[in-house]
Every structure is written in C-alpha cells, then in structure tokens.
Amino acid sequence: MKYKRKFKLNPHDIDLIENCLSKELHHRSEVFLQSEKQHDTDAMDAAKSGISEITELLAKLHDQKNWYGHDPKNRPVPMG
C-alpha cells in the first residue's frame, strides 16, 4: 500500500487531532504512573514507548505549522 504525501486538512482538523493526541498522552501518562506504583516494568516500558511516539508525532505537527503574528492594521506576518 502506498500513502499519500499530501493531505487536505484545515486548522480545525489539525486542532482536533492534536487534542485527541494530548488526551491519549495524558491517559498513557496515567497508565505509566499506575504501573510505576505497582512495579510493573513491562507496562511501564509499553507506556513509555507510547508516550514517546505520541510526543514525537505532536512535535511533527507543531513543526509543520506556519506561525503568524496578527497586526489588525496589516496582513498577517510570518513569525520567527
């Protein structure tokens, strides 16, 4: 199977994806903490792996955004 290289997502779509990933990240962090209390190293390792994977994906989404400052008198200007 071949993946598309370009996607048609609007800012709302990206925001929704980021919010869902953040909630999953929170859930996996809770799983990690519970596993740590129970000294379950296998569950801790699985949670850590998932946390890293989600964090890296959120970073990729963040890095692909075009950040703009807004001056009401002028058009939006790229920041950074």
PDB file of N, CA and C in Angstrom:
ATOM      1  N   MET A   1       0.839  -1.165   0.000  1.00  0.00           N
ATOM      2  CA  MET A   1       0.000   0.000   0.000  1.00  0.00           C
ATOM      3  C   MET A   1       0.892   1.239   0.000  1.00  0.00           C
ATOM      4  N   LYS A   2       0.480   2.249  -0.754  1.00  0.00           N
ATOM      5  CA  LYS A   2       1.214   3.492  -0.853  1.00  0.00           C
ATOM      6  C   LYS A   2       0.431   4.590  -0.121  1.00  0.00           C
ATOM      7  N   TYR A   3       1.122   5.431   0.618  1.00  0.00           N
ATOM      8  CA  TYR A   3       0.485   6.518   1.345  1.00  0.00           C
ATOM      9  C   TYR A   3       0.527   7.802   0.525  1.00  0.00           C
ATOM     10  N   LYS A   4      -0.483   8.646   0.715  1.00  0.00           N
ATOM     11  CA  LYS A   4      -0.481   9.963   0.084  1.00  0.00           C
ATOM     12  C   LYS A   4       0.590  10.811   0.755  1.00  0.00           C
ATOM     13  N   ARG A   5       1.228  11.653  -0.013  1.00  0.00           N
ATOM     14  CA  ARG A   5       2.262  12.526   0.535  1.00  0.00           C
ATOM     15  C   ARG A   5       1.690  13.868   0.978  1.00  0.00           C
ATOM     16  N   LYS A   6       0.496  14.203   0.498  1.00  0.00           N
ATOM     17  CA  LYS A   6      -0.139  15.463   0.885  1.00  0.00           C
ATOM     18  C   LYS A   6      -1.544  15.171   1.397  1.00  0.00           C
ATOM     19  N   PHE A   7      -1.943  15.927   2.393  1.00  0.00           N
ATOM     20  CA  PHE A   7      -3.267  15.774   2.979  1.00  0.00           C
ATOM     21  C   PHE A   7      -3.982  17.111   2.942  1.00  0.00           C
ATOM     22  N   LYS A   8      -5.278  17.067   2.834  1.00  0.00           N
ATOM     23  CA  LYS A   8      -6.083  18.288   2.850  1.00  0.00           C
ATOM     24  C   LYS A   8      -6.777  18.378   4.204  1.00  0.00           C
ATOM     25  N   LEU A   9      -6.093  19.000   5.145  1.00  0.00           N
ATOM     26  CA  LEU A   9      -6.634  19.185   6.482  1.00  0.00           C
ATOM     27  C   LEU A   9      -6.696  20.677   6.768  1.00  0.00           C
ATOM     28  N   ASN A  10      -7.779  21.116   7.380  1.00  0.00           N
ATOM     29  CA  ASN A  10      -7.872  22.523   7.745  1.00  0.00           C
ATOM     30  C   ASN A  10      -7.389  22.699   9.191  1.00  0.00           C
ATOM     31  N   PRO A  11      -7.207  23.941   9.641  1.00  0.00           N
ATOM     32  CA  PRO A  11      -6.702  24.165  11.007  1.00  0.00           C
ATOM     33  C   PRO A  11      -7.568  23.500  12.083  1.00  0.00           C
ATOM     34  N   HIS A  12      -8.867  23.460  11.869  1.00  0.00           N
ATOM     35  CA  HIS A  12      -9.752  22.796  12.843  1.00  0.00           C
ATOM     36  C   HIS A  12      -9.441  21.298  12.922  1.00  0.00           C
ATOM     37  N   ASP A  13      -9.209  20.672  11.777  1.00  0.00           N
ATOM     38  CA  ASP A  13      -8.863  19.245  11.743  1.00  0.00           C
ATOM     39  C   ASP A  13      -7.578  18.988  12.536  1.00  0.00           C
ATOM     40  N   ILE A  14      -6.581  19.818  12.303  1.00  0.00           N
ATOM     41  CA  ILE A  14      -5.296  19.668  12.996  1.00  0.00           C
ATOM     42  C   ILE A  14      -5.484  19.872  14.494  1.00  0.00           C
ATOM     43  N   ASP A  15      -6.274  20.859  14.865  1.00  0.00           N
ATOM     44  CA  ASP A  15      -6.539  21.126  16.283  1.00  0.00           C
ATOM     45  C   ASP A  15      -7.215  19.916  16.938  1.00  0.00           C
ATOM     46  N   LEU A  16      -8.173  19.332  16.251  1.00  0.00           N
ATOM     47  CA  LEU A  16      -8.865  18.155  16.765  1.00  0.00           C
ATOM     48  C   LEU A  16      -7.901  16.983  16.940  1.00  0.00           C
ATOM     49  N   ILE A  17      -7.047  16.765  15.964  1.00  0.00           N
ATOM     50  CA  ILE A  17      -6.051  15.691  16.042  1.00  0.00           C
ATOM     51  C   ILE A  17      -5.113  15.933  17.229  1.00  0.00           C
ATOM     52  N   GLU A  18      -4.644  17.163  17.369  1.00  0.00           N
ATOM     53  CA  GLU A  18      -3.741  17.481  18.480  1.00  0.00           C
ATOM     54  C   GLU A  18      -4.417  17.281  19.832  1.00  0.00           C
ATOM     55  N   ASN A  19      -5.678  17.680  19.946  1.00  0.00           N
ATOM     56  CA  ASN A  19      -6.404  17.498  21.207  1.00  0.00           C
ATOM     57  C   ASN A  19      -6.574  16.018  21.539  1.00  0.00           C
ATOM     58  N   CYS A  20      -6.900  15.220  20.544  1.00  0.00           N
ATOM     59  CA  CYS A  20      -7.051  13.776  20.768  1.00  0.00           C
ATOM     60  C   CYS A  20      -5.726  13.145  21.169  1.00  0.00           C
ATOM     61  N   LEU A  21      -4.656  13.545  20.505  1.00  0.00           N
ATOM     62  CA  LEU A  21      -3.343  13.017  20.863  1.00  0.00           C
ATOM     63  C   LEU A  21      -2.945  13.443  22.275  1.00  0.00           C
ATOM     64  N   SER A  22      -3.270  14.662  22.651  1.00  0.00           N
ATOM     65  CA  SER A  22      -2.956  15.142  24.000  1.00  0.00           C
ATOM     66  C   SER A  22      -3.713  14.343  25.057  1.00  0.00           C
ATOM     67  N   LYS A  23      -4.974  14.031  24.777  1.00  0.00           N
ATOM     68  CA  LYS A  23      -5.755  13.218  25.721  1.00  0.00           C
ATOM     69  C   LYS A  23      -5.179  11.810  25.836  1.00  0.00           C
ATOM     70  N   GLU A  24      -4.761  11.239  24.711  1.00  0.00           N
ATOM     71  CA  GLU A  24      -4.149   9.905  24.740  1.00  0.00           C
ATOM     72  C   GLU A  24      -2.817   9.953  25.482  1.00  0.00           C
ATOM     73  N   LEU A  25      -2.071  11.027  25.304  1.00  0.00           N
ATOM     74  CA  LEU A  25      -0.811  11.200  26.017  1.00  0.00           C
ATOM     75  C   LEU A  25      -1.057  11.251  27.524  1.00  0.00           C
ATOM     76  N   HIS A  26      -2.074  11.976  27.927  1.00  0.00           N
ATOM     77  CA  HIS A  26      -2.442  12.057  29.349  1.00  0.00           C
ATOM     78  C   HIS A  26      -2.812  10.669  29.872  1.00  0.00           C
ATOM     79  N   HIS A  27      -3.609   9.937  29.107  1.00  0.00           N
ATOM     80  CA  HIS A  27      -4.027   8.588  29.518  1.00  0.00           C
ATOM     81  C   HIS A  27      -2.812   7.675  29.701  1.00  0.00           C
ATOM     82  N   ARG A  28      -1.900   7.710  28.741  1.00  0.00           N
ATOM     83  CA  ARG A  28      -0.716   6.839  28.831  1.00  0.00           C
ATOM     84  C   ARG A  28       0.196   7.262  29.974  1.00  0.00           C
ATOM     85  N   SER A  29       0.218   8.531  30.286  1.00  0.00           N
ATOM     86  CA  SER A  29       0.990   9.001  31.442  1.00  0.00           C
ATOM     87  C   SER A  29       0.397   8.462  32.735  1.00  0.00           C
ATOM     88  N   GLU A  30      -0.923   8.449  32.809  1.00  0.00           N
ATOM     89  CA  GLU A  30      -1.596   7.879  33.986  1.00  0.00           C
ATOM     90  C   GLU A  30      -1.301   6.383  34.100  1.00  0.00           C
ATOM     91  N   VAL A  31      -1.328   5.680  32.973  1.00  0.00           N
ATOM     92  CA  VAL A  31      -1.005   4.245  32.967  1.00  0.00           C
ATOM     93  C   VAL A  31       0.425   4.032  33.460  1.00  0.00           C
ATOM     94  N   PHE A  32       1.331   4.880  32.999  1.00  0.00           N
ATOM     95  CA  PHE A  32       2.732   4.778  33.430  1.00  0.00           C
ATOM     96  C   PHE A  32       2.835   4.944  34.945  1.00  0.00           C
ATOM     97  N   LEU A  33       2.164   5.970  35.483  1.00  0.00           N
ATOM     98  CA  LEU A  33       2.240   6.219  36.928  1.00  0.00           C
ATOM     99  C   LEU A  33       1.662   5.058  37.731  1.00  0.00           C
ATOM    100  N   GLN A  34       0.548   4.507  37.269  1.00  0.00           N
ATOM    101  CA  GLN A  34      -0.040   3.354  37.960  1.00  0.00           C
ATOM    102  C   GLN A  34       0.892   2.147  37.884  1.00  0.00           C
ATOM    103  N   SER A  35       1.496   1.939  36.745  1.00  0.00           N
ATOM    104  CA  SER A  35       2.427   0.814  36.563  1.00  0.00           C
ATOM    105  C   SER A  35       3.647   0.979  37.454  1.00  0.00           C
ATOM    106  N   GLU A  36       4.082   2.218  37.595  1.00  0.00           N
ATOM    107  CA  GLU A  36       5.241   2.504  38.435  1.00  0.00           C
ATOM    108  C   GLU A  36       4.939   2.161  39.890  1.00  0.00           C
ATOM    109  N   LYS A  37       3.738   2.534  40.340  1.00  0.00           N
ATOM    110  CA  LYS A  37       3.336   2.232  41.722  1.00  0.00           C
ATOM    111  C   LYS A  37       3.281   0.730  41.966  1.00  0.00           C
ATOM    112  N   GLN A  38       2.903  -0.019  40.925  1.00  0.00           N
ATOM    113  CA  GLN A  38       2.769  -1.474  41.055  1.00  0.00           C
ATOM    114  C   GLN A  38       4.066  -2.201  40.671  1.00  0.00           C
ATOM    115  N   HIS A  39       5.090  -1.452  40.340  1.00  0.00           N
ATOM    116  CA  HIS A  39       6.388  -2.014  39.938  1.00  0.00           C
ATOM    117  C   HIS A  39       6.254  -2.978  38.756  1.00  0.00           C
ATOM    118  N   ASP A  40       5.366  -2.636  37.818  1.00  0.00           N
ATOM    119  CA  ASP A  40       5.148  -3.447  36.619  1.00  0.00           C
ATOM    120  C   ASP A  40       6.004  -2.870  35.491  1.00  0.00           C
ATOM    121  N   THR A  41       7.224  -3.379  35.370  1.00  0.00           N
ATOM    122  CA  THR A  41       8.170  -2.793  34.409  1.00  0.00           C
ATOM    123  C   THR A  41       7.745  -2.990  32.954  1.00  0.00           C
ATOM    124  N   ASP A  42       7.065  -4.100  32.647  1.00  0.00           N
ATOM    125  CA  ASP A  42       6.610  -4.305  31.264  1.00  0.00           C
ATOM    126  C   ASP A  42       5.579  -3.250  30.870  1.00  0.00           C
ATOM    127  N   ALA A  43       4.634  -2.984  31.762  1.00  0.00           N
ATOM    128  CA  ALA A  43       3.616  -1.966  31.479  1.00  0.00           C
ATOM    129  C   ALA A  43       4.238  -0.575  31.429  1.00  0.00           C
ATOM    130  N   MET A  44       5.229  -0.342  32.288  1.00  0.00           N
ATOM    131  CA  MET A  44       5.919   0.951  32.278  1.00  0.00           C
ATOM    132  C   MET A  44       6.628   1.163  30.944  1.00  0.00           C
ATOM    133  N   ASP A  45       7.319   0.120  30.469  1.00  0.00           N
ATOM    134  CA  ASP A  45       8.028   0.227  29.196  1.00  0.00           C
ATOM    135  C   ASP A  45       7.066   0.467  28.032  1.00  0.00           C
ATOM    136  N   ALA A  46       5.935  -0.240  28.044  1.00  0.00           N
ATOM    137  CA  ALA A  46       4.937  -0.055  26.979  1.00  0.00           C
ATOM    138  C   ALA A  46       4.373   1.363  27.010  1.00  0.00           C
ATOM    139  N   ALA A  47       4.075   1.861  28.212  1.00  0.00           N
ATOM    140  CA  ALA A  47       3.539   3.224  28.345  1.00  0.00           C
ATOM    141  C   ALA A  47       4.573   4.243  27.903  1.00  0.00           C
ATOM    142  N   LYS A  48       5.838   4.045  28.296  1.00  0.00           N
ATOM    143  CA  LYS A  48       6.917   4.963  27.898  1.00  0.00           C
ATOM    144  C   LYS A  48       7.058   5.028  26.389  1.00  0.00           C
ATOM    145  N   SER A  49       6.982   3.863  25.767  1.00  0.00           N
ATOM    146  CA  SER A  49       7.095   3.801  24.309  1.00  0.00           C
ATOM    147  C   SER A  49       5.960   4.588  23.648  1.00  0.00           C
ATOM    148  N   GLY A  50       4.739   4.395  24.147  1.00  0.00           N
ATOM    149  CA  GLY A  50       3.593   5.117  23.601  1.00  0.00           C
ATOM    150  C   GLY A  50       3.688   6.614  23.834  1.00  0.00           C
ATOM    151  N   ILE A  51       4.174   6.989  25.000  1.00  0.00           N
ATOM    152  CA  ILE A  51       4.344   8.411  25.327  1.00  0.00           C
ATOM    153  C   ILE A  51       5.348   9.050  24.367  1.00  0.00           C
ATOM    154  N   SER A  52       6.442   8.364  24.116  1.00  0.00           N
ATOM    155  CA  SER A  52       7.463   8.892  23.193  1.00  0.00           C
ATOM    156  C   SER A  52       6.908   9.024  21.782  1.00  0.00           C
ATOM    157  N   GLU A  53       6.178   8.007  21.348  1.00  0.00           N
ATOM    158  CA  GLU A  53       5.616   8.015  19.992  1.00  0.00           C
ATOM    159  C   GLU A  53       4.646   9.179  19.801  1.00  0.00           C
ATOM    160  N   ILE A  54       3.771   9.397  20.771  1.00  0.00           N
ATOM    161  CA  ILE A  54       2.793  10.487  20.670  1.00  0.00           C
ATOM    162  C   ILE A  54       3.487  11.842  20.755  1.00  0.00           C
ATOM    163  N   THR A  55       4.463  11.964  21.641  1.00  0.00           N
ATOM    164  CA  THR A  55       5.194  13.224  21.780  1.00  0.00           C
ATOM    165  C   THR A  55       5.900  13.591  20.474  1.00  0.00           C
ATOM    166  N   GLU A  56       6.515  12.604  19.845  1.00  0.00           N
ATOM    167  CA  GLU A  56       7.195  12.851  18.567  1.00  0.00           C
ATOM    168  C   GLU A  56       6.203  13.257  17.477  1.00  0.00           C
ATOM    169  N   LEU A  57       5.032  12.632  17.460  1.00  0.00           N
ATOM    170  CA  LEU A  57       4.022  12.984  16.469  1.00  0.00           C
ATOM    171  C   LEU A  57       3.500  14.401  16.699  1.00  0.00           C
ATOM    172  N   LEU A  58       3.244  14.762  17.952  1.00  0.00           N
ATOM    173  CA  LEU A  58       2.807  16.129  18.251  1.00  0.00           C
ATOM    174  C   LEU A  58       3.875  17.146  17.839  1.00  0.00           C
ATOM    175  N   ALA A  59       5.141  16.802  18.022  1.00  0.00           N
ATOM    176  CA  ALA A  59       6.232  17.696  17.609  1.00  0.00           C
ATOM    177  C   ALA A  59       6.252  17.862  16.095  1.00  0.00           C
ATOM    178  N   LYS A  60       6.029  16.778  15.365  1.00  0.00           N
ATOM    179  CA  LYS A  60       5.989  16.872  13.900  1.00  0.00           C
ATOM    180  C   LYS A  60       4.859  17.788  13.441  1.00  0.00           C
ATOM    181  N   LEU A  61       3.696  17.654  14.060  1.00  0.00           N
ATOM    182  CA  LEU A  61       2.571  18.522  13.698  1.00  0.00           C
ATOM    183  C   LEU A  61       2.905  19.973  14.008  1.00  0.00           C
ATOM    184  N   HIS A  62       3.497  20.195  15.165  1.00  0.00           N
ATOM    185  CA  HIS A  62       3.865  21.550  15.579  1.00  0.00           C
ATOM    186  C   HIS A  62       4.862  22.173  14.599  1.00  0.00           C
ATOM    187  N   ASP A  63       5.848  21.388  14.187  1.00  0.00           N
ATOM    188  CA  ASP A  63       6.892  21.895  13.293  1.00  0.00           C
ATOM    189  C   ASP A  63       6.388  22.210  11.889  1.00  0.00           C
ATOM    190  N   GLN A  64       5.255  21.651  11.500  1.00  0.00           N
ATOM    191  CA  GLN A  64       4.743  21.882  10.156  1.00  0.00           C
ATOM    192  C   GLN A  64       3.795  23.076  10.073  1.00  0.00           C
ATOM    193  N   LYS A  65       3.504  23.679  11.207  1.00  0.00           N
ATOM    194  CA  LYS A  65       2.596  24.828  11.203  1.00  0.00           C
ATOM    195  C   LYS A  65       3.323  26.080  10.731  1.00  0.00           C
ATOM    196  N   ASN A  66       2.582  26.942  10.075  1.00  0.00           N
ATOM    197  CA  ASN A  66       3.064  28.283   9.737  1.00  0.00           C
ATOM    198  C   ASN A  66       2.528  29.211  10.824  1.00  0.00           C
ATOM    199  N   TRP A  67       3.433  29.810  11.580  1.00  0.00           N
ATOM    200  CA  TRP A  67       3.021  30.674  12.682  1.00  0.00           C
ATOM    201  C   TRP A  67       2.946  32.115  12.192  1.00  0.00           C
ATOM    202  N   TYR A  68       1.853  32.774  12.497  1.00  0.00           N
ATOM    203  CA  TYR A  68       1.633  34.143  12.047  1.00  0.00           C
ATOM    204  C   TYR A  68       1.295  35.044  13.221  1.00  0.00           C
ATOM    205  N   GLY A  69       1.879  36.237  13.165  1.00  0.00           N
ATOM    206  CA  GLY A  69       1.501  37.280  14.097  1.00  0.00           C
ATOM    207  C   GLY A  69       0.409  38.091  13.418  1.00  0.00           C
ATOM    208  N   HIS A  70      -0.499  38.643  14.185  1.00  0.00           N
ATOM    209  CA  HIS A  70      -1.592  39.381  13.568  1.00  0.00           C
ATOM    210  C   HIS A  70      -1.578  40.821  14.051  1.00  0.00           C
ATOM    211  N   ASP A  71      -1.401  41.709  13.115  1.00  0.00           N
ATOM    212  CA  ASP A  71      -1.499  43.138  13.365  1.00  0.00           C
ATOM    213  C   ASP A  71      -2.763  43.591  12.659  1.00  0.00           C
ATOM    214  N   PRO A  72      -3.768  44.082  13.386  1.00  0.00           N
ATOM    215  CA  PRO A  72      -5.040  44.446  12.757  1.00  0.00           C
ATOM    216  C   PRO A  72      -4.911  45.437  11.602  1.00  0.00           C
ATOM    217  N   LYS A  73      -3.828  46.241  11.578  1.00  0.00           N
ATOM    218  CA  LYS A  73      -3.651  47.237  10.522  1.00  0.00           C
ATOM    219  C   LYS A  73      -3.030  46.628   9.268  1.00  0.00           C
ATOM    220  N   ASN A  74      -2.344  45.507   9.418  1.00  0.00           N
ATOM    221  CA  ASN A  74      -1.624  44.888   8.308  1.00  0.00           C
ATOM    222  C   ASN A  74      -2.051  43.440   8.130  1.00  0.00           C
ATOM    223  N   ARG A  75      -1.583  42.866   7.041  1.00  0.00           N
ATOM    224  CA  ARG A  75      -1.833  41.440   6.806  1.00  0.00           C
ATOM    225  C   ARG A  75      -1.014  40.614   7.816  1.00  0.00           C
ATOM    226  N   PRO A  76      -1.426  39.361   8.057  1.00  0.00           N
ATOM    227  CA  PRO A  76      -0.634  38.508   8.957  1.00  0.00           C
ATOM    228  C   PRO A  76       0.793  38.353   8.448  1.00  0.00           C
ATOM    229  N   VAL A  77       1.732  38.352   9.377  1.00  0.00           N
ATOM    230  CA  VAL A  77       3.152  38.261   9.041  1.00  0.00           C
ATOM    231  C   VAL A  77       3.729  37.006   9.666  1.00  0.00           C
ATOM    232  N   PRO A  78       4.491  36.201   8.888  1.00  0.00           N
ATOM    233  CA  PRO A  78       5.117  35.014   9.486  1.00  0.00           C
ATOM    234  C   PRO A  78       6.036  35.412  10.635  1.00  0.00           C
ATOM    235  N   MET A  79       5.982  34.624  11.706  1.00  0.00           N
ATOM    236  CA  MET A  79       6.823  34.890  12.866  1.00  0.00           C
ATOM    237  C   MET A  79       8.019  33.949  12.847  1.00  0.00           C
ATOM    238  N   GLY A  80       9.100  34.395  13.444  1.00  0.00           N
ATOM    239  CA  GLY A  80      10.259  33.538  13.632  1.00  0.00           C
ATOM    240  C   GLY A  80      11.141  33.465  12.516  1.00  0.00           C
TER     241      GLY A  80
END
